[in-house]
Amino acid sequence: MSMQCLRETLDAREFETRLVALRNTRRHLDATDLAEIDAMRSRIDEIDEIGRAITRTLGDNDIASCSASNVETALLAVERYAQERKEQYDNTTKNDGSIDAWGWDPDCDSEDSMSWRVTIRIVPASPKCMTTTAQQTVGKTWRELEAHNIDWEGCVPVVVREGNCFRVVEIVDCDLLPIDDHVPVFINTDGSIDIGEFDEGEGFCTPENDYDAWMPKDQADNLAELKARALSRQEDQT
C-alpha cells in the first residue's frame, strides 16, 4: 500500500477507504504526503461537483455551467461523467480558455443528439500554505518551512546553523523553557539573527509572536558578532 493507490482513484468513498488502509500500514506520511492528499481530495471534490452540475440540467436542454481549478481536472470530470453513464463524449477549448464538453448516447446515429452539455470555466485555486505539525519540522531547514503553515502545538523549535542554513533539530515543550545553554533568536531573511529575550515572569513564549526558535548560545553569539561586524563595516564605508 502506497501513495500511488490513492492517485489511482477518483471515487471519494474509495479514496477514503484506501487512505484508511494506508494509515493502517503505519507508513509515515510526511508534510509533502499530507499536502498531496489534501490536493487529491480537492480534485475529487471538484470532479464530483462538476458531475452534480451536469446532472441538475438533464432533461432541461440547458447547458450546465461550473468551474474547475485546472484543465486536467475539468477533462477528468467530463471523462468520468461520461463513463459512468456509458456515453460517448467530446470537448473543445473556447477562446477564453474554458472547456465546452458534451455527451451523447452511443446508440444514437449522430453526435447532434446531445444528452448533456457543460461549460467549465478554469479558475486557478489560490495557493495554500501547507499545514505542518511541530514534530514534522524536525530535520527540515528554515527555508524549506517558509511555505508551510506550522501548528507549533505549544512547542518551540531548536535550530542549529549548518553552512548557510538553519536546520530544526528538536522540538521542546514551552513549559520546559528556558533551555540550558540556548537563547531565543529571530531568524532574518538575509540569514542573520537577532538574539531575543526570555522573561519567565511572562509565562511561556511561542514562535508566532515572540521569536522564531531557540539556538545554542555559542552559535548565536558567533552569528550576532558576525552581524555586528558587517554592520560596522557598512557604517565605515558610508
Protein backbone atom coordinates (compact mmCIF):
# COMPACT_ATOMS: atom_id res chain seq x y z
CA MET A 1 0.00 0.00 0.00
CA SER A 2 1.48 3.35 -1.08
CA MET A 3 0.53 6.87 -2.11
CA GLN A 4 0.14 5.56 -5.65
CA CYS A 5 -3.00 3.66 -4.65
CA LEU A 6 -4.62 7.00 -3.74
CA ARG A 7 -3.64 8.58 -7.05
CA GLU A 8 -5.39 5.82 -8.99
CA THR A 9 -8.98 6.52 -7.88
CA LEU A 10 -11.36 9.42 -8.46
CA ASP A 11 -14.12 7.96 -6.28
CA ALA A 12 -14.44 9.81 -2.97
CA ARG A 13 -15.54 6.80 -0.90
CA GLU A 14 -12.87 4.54 -2.41
CA PHE A 15 -10.25 7.22 -1.79
CA GLU A 16 -11.07 7.41 1.92
CA THR A 17 -11.13 3.60 2.19
CA ARG A 18 -7.68 3.37 0.64
CA LEU A 19 -6.39 6.19 2.84
CA VAL A 20 -7.51 4.33 5.98
CA ALA A 21 -5.78 1.18 4.70
CA LEU A 22 -2.62 3.19 4.01
CA ARG A 23 -2.61 4.68 7.51
CA ASN A 24 -3.12 1.20 8.99
CA THR A 25 0.19 0.12 7.47
CA ARG A 26 1.76 2.68 9.84
CA ARG A 27 3.55 4.23 6.89
CA HIS A 28 4.92 7.63 7.88
CA LEU A 29 3.16 10.41 5.99
CA ASP A 30 5.35 13.49 5.86
CA ALA A 31 4.28 17.07 5.12
CA THR A 32 4.61 16.51 1.36
CA ASP A 33 2.38 13.42 1.51
CA LEU A 34 -0.25 15.25 3.55
CA ALA A 35 -0.25 18.17 1.12
CA GLU A 36 -0.73 15.79 -1.81
CA ILE A 37 -3.57 14.01 -0.01
CA ASP A 38 -5.27 17.37 0.52
CA ALA A 39 -4.80 18.22 -3.18
CA MET A 40 -6.23 14.85 -4.28
CA ARG A 41 -9.28 15.34 -2.04
CA SER A 42 -9.84 18.79 -3.54
CA ARG A 43 -9.60 17.35 -7.07
CA ILE A 44 -12.16 14.64 -6.29
CA ASP A 45 -14.48 17.23 -4.74
CA GLU A 46 -14.23 19.37 -7.90
CA ILE A 47 -14.94 16.39 -10.16
CA ASP A 48 -17.99 15.42 -8.10
CA GLU A 49 -19.30 18.98 -8.14
CA ILE A 50 -18.96 19.20 -11.93
CA GLY A 51 -20.90 15.94 -12.24
CA ARG A 52 -23.66 17.27 -9.99
CA ALA A 53 -23.85 20.48 -12.04
CA ILE A 54 -24.38 18.49 -15.23
CA THR A 55 -26.97 16.20 -13.61
CA ARG A 56 -29.03 19.20 -12.49
CA THR A 57 -29.57 20.20 -16.13
CA LEU A 58 -30.51 16.77 -17.50
CA GLY A 59 -33.85 16.84 -19.32
CA ASP A 60 -33.95 20.64 -19.48
CA ASN A 61 -31.81 21.07 -22.59
CA ASP A 62 -29.79 23.57 -20.61
CA ILE A 63 -26.03 23.95 -20.72
CA ALA A 64 -24.52 23.30 -17.30
CA SER A 65 -22.06 25.90 -16.04
CA CYS A 66 -19.41 25.34 -13.38
CA SER A 67 -15.70 25.83 -12.73
CA ALA A 68 -12.52 23.83 -12.17
CA SER A 69 -9.12 24.84 -10.86
CA ASN A 70 -7.30 23.48 -13.91
CA VAL A 71 -7.89 21.95 -17.35
CA GLU A 72 -6.77 18.48 -16.27
CA THR A 73 -9.43 18.29 -13.55
CA ALA A 74 -12.10 19.58 -15.94
CA LEU A 75 -11.30 16.91 -18.54
CA LEU A 76 -11.14 14.17 -15.91
CA ALA A 77 -14.59 15.21 -14.67
CA VAL A 78 -16.05 15.06 -18.18
CA GLU A 79 -14.48 11.67 -18.88
CA ARG A 80 -15.65 10.20 -15.58
CA TYR A 81 -19.19 11.51 -16.00
CA ALA A 82 -19.49 10.04 -19.50
CA GLN A 83 -18.03 6.71 -18.40
CA GLU A 84 -20.48 6.41 -15.51
CA ARG A 85 -23.37 6.97 -17.95
CA LYS A 86 -21.76 4.70 -20.58
CA GLU A 87 -21.92 7.51 -23.11
CA GLN A 88 -19.67 8.97 -25.76
CA TYR A 89 -18.28 12.45 -25.18
CA ASP A 90 -16.19 15.16 -26.76
CA ASN A 91 -14.88 18.58 -25.82
CA THR A 92 -13.27 21.70 -27.17
CA THR A 93 -11.45 24.66 -25.68
CA LYS A 94 -13.00 28.09 -26.11
CA ASN A 95 -11.08 31.30 -26.76
CA ASP A 96 -11.35 32.30 -23.11
CA GLY A 97 -9.76 29.01 -22.01
CA SER A 98 -12.95 27.41 -20.71
CA ILE A 99 -13.88 23.84 -21.64
CA ASP A 100 -17.03 23.14 -23.66
CA ALA A 101 -17.94 19.44 -23.36
CA TRP A 102 -20.92 17.31 -24.30
CA GLY A 103 -22.07 13.69 -24.23
CA TRP A 104 -24.46 11.53 -26.25
CA ASP A 105 -25.91 8.04 -26.23
CA PRO A 106 -23.66 5.69 -28.24
CA ASP A 107 -26.78 4.13 -29.79
CA CYS A 108 -27.66 7.44 -31.45
CA ASP A 109 -26.57 7.86 -35.05
CA SER A 110 -25.38 11.40 -34.63
CA GLU A 111 -23.39 13.41 -32.13
CA ASP A 112 -26.01 16.13 -32.64
CA SER A 113 -28.32 14.25 -30.25
CA MET A 114 -26.59 15.51 -27.12
CA SER A 115 -27.86 14.25 -23.78
CA TRP A 116 -25.92 16.86 -21.82
CA ARG A 117 -23.55 19.77 -22.27
CA VAL A 118 -21.37 21.73 -19.90
CA THR A 119 -19.15 24.80 -19.94
CA ILE A 120 -16.36 24.60 -17.38
CA ARG A 121 -14.54 27.82 -16.53
CA ILE A 122 -10.92 27.45 -15.43
CA VAL A 123 -10.39 29.36 -12.21
CA PRO A 124 -6.96 28.55 -10.71
CA ALA A 125 -7.13 27.91 -6.99
CA SER A 126 -5.35 30.34 -4.73
CA PRO A 127 -2.10 28.82 -3.41
CA LYS A 128 -2.47 27.46 0.11
CA CYS A 129 0.25 27.10 2.68
CA MET A 130 0.84 23.51 3.63
CA THR A 131 -0.08 22.77 7.23
CA THR A 132 2.70 21.07 9.17
CA THR A 133 2.80 19.81 12.76
CA ALA A 134 5.63 20.82 15.05
CA GLN A 135 7.19 17.33 15.01
CA GLN A 136 7.19 17.30 11.20
CA THR A 137 9.59 20.26 11.16
CA VAL A 138 12.45 18.23 12.67
CA GLY A 139 15.19 17.74 10.08
CA LYS A 140 13.84 20.50 7.82
CA THR A 141 15.69 23.72 7.04
CA TRP A 142 14.14 27.04 7.94
CA ARG A 143 13.88 27.92 4.24
CA GLU A 144 12.04 24.67 3.48
CA LEU A 145 9.43 25.60 6.09
CA GLU A 146 8.69 29.05 4.66
CA ALA A 147 5.77 27.74 2.56
CA HIS A 148 4.24 25.81 5.47
CA ASN A 149 1.59 26.85 7.95
CA ILE A 150 3.05 25.34 11.12
CA ASP A 151 0.97 24.36 14.13
CA TRP A 152 3.54 24.62 16.92
CA GLU A 153 1.18 22.92 19.41
CA GLY A 154 2.62 24.77 22.42
CA CYS A 155 6.18 23.86 21.43
CA VAL A 156 9.22 25.73 20.11
CA PRO A 157 11.83 24.59 17.58
CA VAL A 158 15.53 24.30 18.34
CA VAL A 159 17.73 25.13 15.35
CA VAL A 160 21.43 24.87 14.58
CA ARG A 161 23.41 26.62 11.89
CA GLU A 162 24.56 24.30 9.09
CA GLY A 163 26.52 26.09 6.39
CA ASN A 164 24.24 28.80 5.07
CA CYS A 165 21.02 27.45 6.53
CA PHE A 166 19.28 26.80 9.83
CA ARG A 167 18.03 23.28 10.49
CA VAL A 168 15.43 22.22 13.08
CA VAL A 169 16.96 19.52 15.28
CA GLU A 170 14.48 19.29 18.14
CA ILE A 171 11.07 20.38 19.36
CA VAL A 172 10.73 21.44 23.01
CA ASP A 173 7.55 21.95 25.03
CA CYS A 174 7.12 25.59 26.03
CA ASP A 175 6.61 24.54 29.65
CA LEU A 176 10.26 23.43 29.71
CA LEU A 177 11.66 26.84 28.77
CA PRO A 178 14.24 28.24 29.12
CA ILE A 179 16.63 25.72 27.55
CA ASP A 180 20.06 25.45 29.14
CA ASP A 181 22.87 26.94 27.05
CA HIS A 182 20.36 28.14 24.43
CA VAL A 183 18.85 31.54 23.60
CA PRO A 184 15.73 32.61 21.68
CA VAL A 185 16.52 34.07 18.26
CA PHE A 186 14.85 35.90 15.39
CA ILE A 187 15.96 34.49 12.01
CA ASN A 188 16.19 37.23 9.39
CA THR A 189 15.67 36.71 5.66
CA ASP A 190 19.33 37.52 4.94
CA GLY A 191 20.47 34.60 7.13
CA SER A 192 21.47 36.75 10.10
CA ILE A 193 19.88 36.51 13.54
CA ASP A 194 18.85 38.76 16.38
CA ILE A 195 19.03 37.37 19.90
CA GLY A 196 15.78 37.76 21.81
CA GLU A 197 15.00 37.87 25.50
CA PHE A 198 13.03 35.42 27.57
CA ASP A 199 11.16 36.55 30.67
CA GLU A 200 9.92 33.65 32.79
CA GLY A 201 7.57 36.02 34.57
CA GLU A 202 5.62 36.49 31.33
CA GLY A 203 4.92 32.78 31.01
CA PHE A 204 5.92 30.68 28.00
CA CYS A 205 6.64 32.31 24.67
CA THR A 206 5.70 30.97 21.25
CA PRO A 207 7.38 31.39 17.86
CA GLU A 208 4.28 33.06 16.45
CA ASN A 209 4.63 36.24 18.48
CA ASP A 210 7.97 36.47 20.23
CA TYR A 211 10.81 34.82 18.28
CA ASP A 212 11.45 32.17 15.66
CA ALA A 213 13.40 29.50 17.52
CA TRP A 214 15.91 28.61 20.20
CA MET A 215 19.55 28.14 19.31
CA PRO A 216 22.76 27.03 21.07
CA LYS A 217 24.13 30.14 22.77
CA ASP A 218 27.66 29.80 21.39
CA GLN A 219 26.37 29.63 17.80
CA ALA A 220 24.01 32.53 18.36
CA ASP A 221 26.74 34.69 19.91
CA ASN A 222 29.06 34.00 16.96
CA LEU A 223 26.38 34.88 14.41
CA ALA A 224 25.40 38.02 16.29
CA GLU A 225 29.05 39.08 16.37
CA LEU A 226 29.41 38.50 12.62
CA LYS A 227 26.32 40.61 12.00
CA ALA A 228 27.65 43.40 14.20
CA ARG A 229 30.97 43.40 12.30
CA ALA A 230 29.17 43.54 8.94
CA LEU A 231 27.07 46.49 10.09
CA SER A 232 30.15 48.24 11.40
CA ARG A 233 31.93 47.85 8.04
CA GLN A 234 28.89 49.24 6.23
CA GLU A 235 28.87 52.29 8.50
CA ASP A 236 32.60 52.85 7.93
CA GLN A 237 32.09 52.74 4.16
CA THR A 238 29.39 55.39 4.33
